Amino acid sequence: MVYIGRLGREKRIEELHAVLDQNPNIHLVIVGGGPYTDTLKEGFKGSQTVFTGILRGQPLWEMFASSDVFCLPSDSEALGFVVLDSLASGVPVIGTRAGGIPD
């Protein structure tokens, strides 16, 4: 499972921790950076989570392509281009029913 984007409180990334707690075989990769990075690293400590930092270009596309599912827990996305990037890479998306995500 992968999250790719800005690491801000409004993205609700910490809610993915419940998925890890209920499914111990799932690994989470968090790609990106932002003001909530240190808080998230502390909150996910001890879980099956890897923080890569910001990726661009080929490494970013390889991350999309190697993922089983992309998760976007944010309910504040107006459009969510990262959703389009994920779908273009053939990776299914699990997202909230908010903003442009359901479209």
N, C-alpha and C. Protein backbone atom coordinates (compact mmCIF):
# COMPACT_ATOMS: atom_id res chain seq x y z
N MET A 1 0.86 -1.16 0.00
CA MET A 1 0.00 0.00 0.00
C MET A 1 0.91 1.23 0.00
N VAL A 2 0.54 2.24 -0.77
CA VAL A 2 1.37 3.44 -0.86
C VAL A 2 0.52 4.70 -0.74
N TYR A 3 1.09 5.68 -0.08
CA TYR A 3 0.55 7.04 -0.07
C TYR A 3 1.63 7.91 -0.70
N ILE A 4 1.25 8.74 -1.65
CA ILE A 4 2.19 9.65 -2.29
C ILE A 4 1.59 11.05 -2.26
N GLY A 5 2.31 11.98 -1.66
CA GLY A 5 1.82 13.35 -1.62
C GLY A 5 2.42 14.14 -0.48
N ARG A 6 1.85 15.29 -0.27
CA ARG A 6 2.30 16.19 0.80
C ARG A 6 1.95 15.58 2.15
N LEU A 7 2.86 15.69 3.09
CA LEU A 7 2.62 15.15 4.42
C LEU A 7 2.16 16.28 5.34
N GLY A 8 0.88 16.54 5.29
CA GLY A 8 0.25 17.56 6.12
C GLY A 8 -0.87 16.95 6.94
N ARG A 9 -1.18 17.57 8.03
CA ARG A 9 -2.23 17.06 8.93
C ARG A 9 -3.56 16.85 8.19
N GLU A 10 -3.89 17.77 7.28
CA GLU A 10 -5.17 17.71 6.57
C GLU A 10 -5.30 16.49 5.66
N LYS A 11 -4.20 15.80 5.39
CA LYS A 11 -4.23 14.63 4.51
C LYS A 11 -4.72 13.37 5.24
N ARG A 12 -4.79 13.44 6.57
CA ARG A 12 -5.33 12.34 7.40
C ARG A 12 -4.58 11.02 7.20
N ILE A 13 -3.31 11.08 6.95
CA ILE A 13 -2.49 9.89 6.70
C ILE A 13 -2.47 8.96 7.90
N GLU A 14 -2.53 9.52 9.10
CA GLU A 14 -2.48 8.70 10.31
C GLU A 14 -3.63 7.71 10.38
N GLU A 15 -4.70 7.96 9.63
CA GLU A 15 -5.82 7.02 9.62
C GLU A 15 -5.46 5.69 8.96
N LEU A 16 -4.41 5.67 8.18
CA LEU A 16 -3.95 4.41 7.56
C LEU A 16 -3.37 3.46 8.59
N HIS A 17 -3.04 3.99 9.77
CA HIS A 17 -2.49 3.13 10.82
C HIS A 17 -3.49 2.04 11.22
N ALA A 18 -4.77 2.38 11.22
CA ALA A 18 -5.80 1.40 11.57
C ALA A 18 -5.81 0.24 10.59
N VAL A 19 -5.56 0.51 9.32
CA VAL A 19 -5.49 -0.55 8.30
C VAL A 19 -4.33 -1.49 8.62
N LEU A 20 -3.20 -0.92 8.99
CA LEU A 20 -2.03 -1.75 9.33
C LEU A 20 -2.32 -2.58 10.58
N ASP A 21 -2.97 -1.99 11.57
CA ASP A 21 -3.28 -2.70 12.81
C ASP A 21 -4.19 -3.90 12.55
N GLN A 22 -5.13 -3.75 11.62
CA GLN A 22 -6.10 -4.81 11.34
C GLN A 22 -5.59 -5.83 10.33
N ASN A 23 -4.51 -5.48 9.62
CA ASN A 23 -3.97 -6.35 8.57
C ASN A 23 -2.45 -6.40 8.69
N PRO A 24 -1.93 -7.27 9.56
CA PRO A 24 -0.49 -7.27 9.83
C PRO A 24 0.39 -7.63 8.64
N ASN A 25 -0.17 -8.15 7.57
CA ASN A 25 0.63 -8.49 6.39
C ASN A 25 0.78 -7.33 5.40
N ILE A 26 0.11 -6.22 5.68
CA ILE A 26 0.18 -5.07 4.79
C ILE A 26 1.35 -4.18 5.18
N HIS A 27 2.09 -3.76 4.17
CA HIS A 27 3.17 -2.80 4.35
C HIS A 27 2.74 -1.48 3.73
N LEU A 28 3.14 -0.38 4.36
CA LEU A 28 2.80 0.95 3.88
C LEU A 28 4.08 1.69 3.52
N VAL A 29 4.08 2.30 2.35
CA VAL A 29 5.17 3.18 1.94
C VAL A 29 4.58 4.58 1.83
N ILE A 30 5.20 5.53 2.54
CA ILE A 30 4.75 6.91 2.52
C ILE A 30 5.80 7.72 1.78
N VAL A 31 5.39 8.29 0.65
CA VAL A 31 6.29 9.06 -0.22
C VAL A 31 5.89 10.53 -0.14
N GLY A 32 6.85 11.37 0.17
CA GLY A 32 6.57 12.80 0.21
C GLY A 32 7.24 13.46 1.39
N GLY A 33 6.92 14.70 1.57
CA GLY A 33 7.47 15.47 2.68
C GLY A 33 6.50 16.58 3.03
N GLY A 34 6.72 17.18 4.18
CA GLY A 34 5.86 18.27 4.59
C GLY A 34 5.94 18.49 6.08
N PRO A 35 5.12 19.40 6.57
CA PRO A 35 5.20 19.80 7.98
C PRO A 35 4.79 18.73 8.98
N TYR A 36 4.16 17.69 8.54
CA TYR A 36 3.67 16.63 9.45
C TYR A 36 4.57 15.40 9.44
N THR A 37 5.71 15.47 8.74
CA THR A 37 6.58 14.31 8.57
C THR A 37 7.03 13.72 9.90
N ASP A 38 7.58 14.54 10.79
CA ASP A 38 8.10 14.02 12.06
C ASP A 38 7.00 13.40 12.91
N THR A 39 5.83 14.03 12.93
CA THR A 39 4.70 13.49 13.70
C THR A 39 4.28 12.13 13.14
N LEU A 40 4.23 12.01 11.82
CA LEU A 40 3.86 10.73 11.21
C LEU A 40 4.90 9.66 11.48
N LYS A 41 6.17 10.01 11.37
CA LYS A 41 7.22 9.03 11.65
C LYS A 41 7.12 8.50 13.07
N GLU A 42 6.83 9.38 14.01
CA GLU A 42 6.67 8.96 15.40
C GLU A 42 5.43 8.08 15.55
N GLY A 43 4.33 8.46 14.92
CA GLY A 43 3.08 7.72 15.03
C GLY A 43 3.12 6.34 14.39
N PHE A 44 3.91 6.18 13.33
CA PHE A 44 3.99 4.90 12.63
C PHE A 44 5.19 4.05 13.10
N LYS A 45 5.92 4.56 14.08
CA LYS A 45 7.08 3.82 14.59
C LYS A 45 6.64 2.43 15.06
N GLY A 46 7.39 1.42 14.67
CA GLY A 46 7.08 0.04 15.06
C GLY A 46 6.11 -0.66 14.12
N SER A 47 5.59 0.06 13.12
CA SER A 47 4.67 -0.56 12.17
C SER A 47 5.43 -0.93 10.90
N GLN A 48 4.74 -1.57 9.99
CA GLN A 48 5.33 -1.97 8.70
C GLN A 48 5.28 -0.78 7.73
N THR A 49 5.93 0.32 8.11
CA THR A 49 5.86 1.55 7.33
C THR A 49 7.27 2.04 7.00
N VAL A 50 7.43 2.47 5.75
CA VAL A 50 8.70 3.03 5.27
C VAL A 50 8.41 4.43 4.74
N PHE A 51 9.23 5.39 5.15
CA PHE A 51 9.16 6.76 4.63
C PHE A 51 10.30 6.94 3.65
N THR A 52 9.99 7.32 2.41
CA THR A 52 11.03 7.47 1.39
C THR A 52 11.50 8.90 1.23
N GLY A 53 10.73 9.85 1.72
CA GLY A 53 10.99 11.25 1.40
C GLY A 53 10.38 11.56 0.04
N ILE A 54 10.78 12.68 -0.53
CA ILE A 54 10.24 13.10 -1.81
C ILE A 54 10.92 12.36 -2.95
N LEU A 55 10.14 11.81 -3.85
CA LEU A 55 10.66 11.15 -5.05
C LEU A 55 10.16 11.91 -6.28
N ARG A 56 10.99 11.94 -7.30
CA ARG A 56 10.61 12.60 -8.56
C ARG A 56 11.05 11.73 -9.73
N GLY A 57 10.45 11.97 -10.88
CA GLY A 57 10.88 11.30 -12.10
C GLY A 57 10.75 9.79 -12.03
N GLN A 58 11.75 9.11 -12.57
CA GLN A 58 11.72 7.65 -12.67
C GLN A 58 11.50 6.95 -11.33
N PRO A 59 12.18 7.35 -10.24
CA PRO A 59 11.91 6.68 -8.96
C PRO A 59 10.46 6.79 -8.51
N LEU A 60 9.83 7.92 -8.79
CA LEU A 60 8.42 8.09 -8.43
C LEU A 60 7.53 7.17 -9.25
N TRP A 61 7.77 7.11 -10.56
CA TRP A 61 6.95 6.24 -11.41
C TRP A 61 7.16 4.78 -11.07
N GLU A 62 8.37 4.42 -10.68
CA GLU A 62 8.64 3.04 -10.26
C GLU A 62 7.91 2.71 -8.97
N MET A 63 7.78 3.70 -8.09
CA MET A 63 7.03 3.48 -6.85
C MET A 63 5.56 3.23 -7.16
N PHE A 64 4.98 4.03 -8.05
CA PHE A 64 3.59 3.78 -8.46
C PHE A 64 3.46 2.38 -9.03
N ALA A 65 4.33 2.04 -9.97
CA ALA A 65 4.23 0.77 -10.70
C ALA A 65 4.42 -0.44 -9.80
N SER A 66 5.18 -0.31 -8.73
CA SER A 66 5.46 -1.45 -7.87
C SER A 66 4.45 -1.60 -6.73
N SER A 67 3.48 -0.71 -6.68
CA SER A 67 2.50 -0.74 -5.59
C SER A 67 1.29 -1.59 -5.95
N ASP A 68 0.71 -2.19 -4.93
CA ASP A 68 -0.51 -2.97 -5.12
C ASP A 68 -1.75 -2.09 -5.09
N VAL A 69 -1.70 -1.05 -4.26
CA VAL A 69 -2.84 -0.15 -4.12
C VAL A 69 -2.34 1.20 -3.62
N PHE A 70 -2.98 2.26 -4.10
CA PHE A 70 -2.69 3.61 -3.65
C PHE A 70 -3.82 4.06 -2.75
N CYS A 71 -3.50 4.62 -1.60
CA CYS A 71 -4.52 5.10 -0.66
C CYS A 71 -4.42 6.60 -0.48
N LEU A 72 -5.56 7.26 -0.52
CA LEU A 72 -5.63 8.70 -0.31
C LEU A 72 -6.74 8.98 0.71
N PRO A 73 -6.39 9.05 2.00
CA PRO A 73 -7.40 9.24 3.03
C PRO A 73 -7.90 10.68 3.17
N SER A 74 -7.31 11.61 2.46
CA SER A 74 -7.67 13.02 2.57
C SER A 74 -9.09 13.28 2.08
N ASP A 75 -9.78 14.14 2.80
CA ASP A 75 -11.10 14.55 2.34
C ASP A 75 -11.09 16.02 1.90
N SER A 76 -9.88 16.53 1.62
CA SER A 76 -9.75 17.93 1.24
C SER A 76 -9.15 18.12 -0.15
N GLU A 77 -9.24 17.09 -0.99
CA GLU A 77 -8.67 17.16 -2.34
C GLU A 77 -9.67 17.76 -3.31
N ALA A 78 -9.28 18.82 -3.97
CA ALA A 78 -10.15 19.41 -4.98
C ALA A 78 -10.18 18.54 -6.23
N LEU A 79 -9.03 18.07 -6.65
CA LEU A 79 -8.95 17.23 -7.84
C LEU A 79 -8.14 15.98 -7.58
N GLY A 80 -6.98 16.08 -6.99
CA GLY A 80 -6.19 14.90 -6.68
C GLY A 80 -5.50 14.32 -7.90
N PHE A 81 -4.57 15.07 -8.50
CA PHE A 81 -3.84 14.58 -9.66
C PHE A 81 -3.12 13.27 -9.38
N VAL A 82 -2.73 13.06 -8.12
CA VAL A 82 -2.03 11.83 -7.76
C VAL A 82 -2.93 10.61 -8.00
N VAL A 83 -4.23 10.79 -7.90
CA VAL A 83 -5.17 9.71 -8.21
C VAL A 83 -5.07 9.36 -9.69
N LEU A 84 -5.02 10.36 -10.54
CA LEU A 84 -4.89 10.13 -11.98
C LEU A 84 -3.56 9.46 -12.30
N ASP A 85 -2.48 9.89 -11.63
CA ASP A 85 -1.17 9.27 -11.83
C ASP A 85 -1.20 7.79 -11.45
N SER A 86 -1.85 7.48 -10.35
CA SER A 86 -1.95 6.10 -9.90
C SER A 86 -2.72 5.25 -10.90
N LEU A 87 -3.86 5.74 -11.33
CA LEU A 87 -4.67 5.00 -12.30
C LEU A 87 -3.93 4.83 -13.62
N ALA A 88 -3.19 5.86 -14.04
CA ALA A 88 -2.42 5.76 -15.28
C ALA A 88 -1.32 4.72 -15.18
N SER A 89 -0.88 4.44 -13.94
CA SER A 89 0.14 3.41 -13.71
C SER A 89 -0.47 2.02 -13.54
N GLY A 90 -1.80 1.94 -13.61
CA GLY A 90 -2.48 0.66 -13.47
C GLY A 90 -2.66 0.23 -12.02
N VAL A 91 -2.53 1.18 -11.10
CA VAL A 91 -2.65 0.87 -9.67
C VAL A 91 -4.01 1.32 -9.17
N PRO A 92 -4.79 0.42 -8.56
CA PRO A 92 -6.10 0.80 -8.05
C PRO A 92 -5.98 1.82 -6.92
N VAL A 93 -7.03 2.61 -6.75
CA VAL A 93 -7.05 3.68 -5.76
C VAL A 93 -8.14 3.42 -4.72
N ILE A 94 -7.78 3.60 -3.47
CA ILE A 94 -8.75 3.64 -2.38
C ILE A 94 -8.71 5.06 -1.87
N GLY A 95 -9.83 5.76 -1.98
CA GLY A 95 -9.88 7.15 -1.56
C GLY A 95 -11.21 7.48 -0.93
N THR A 96 -11.26 8.66 -0.35
CA THR A 96 -12.49 9.11 0.28
C THR A 96 -13.47 9.61 -0.78
N ARG A 97 -14.71 9.70 -0.40
CA ARG A 97 -15.74 10.23 -1.30
C ARG A 97 -15.83 11.74 -1.06
N ALA A 98 -14.79 12.44 -1.52
CA ALA A 98 -14.73 13.89 -1.29
C ALA A 98 -14.07 14.56 -2.48
N GLY A 99 -14.45 15.81 -2.71
CA GLY A 99 -13.84 16.58 -3.79
C GLY A 99 -13.92 15.85 -5.12
N GLY A 100 -12.82 15.88 -5.86
CA GLY A 100 -12.77 15.25 -7.17
C GLY A 100 -12.35 13.80 -7.15
N ILE A 101 -12.10 13.23 -5.99
CA ILE A 101 -11.60 11.85 -5.91
C ILE A 101 -12.58 10.84 -6.49
N PRO A 102 -13.87 10.86 -6.16
CA PRO A 102 -14.78 9.86 -6.71
C PRO A 102 -14.89 9.90 -8.24
N ASP A 103 -14.64 11.05 -8.84
CA ASP A 103 -14.76 11.17 -10.28
C ASP A 103 -13.68 10.36 -10.96
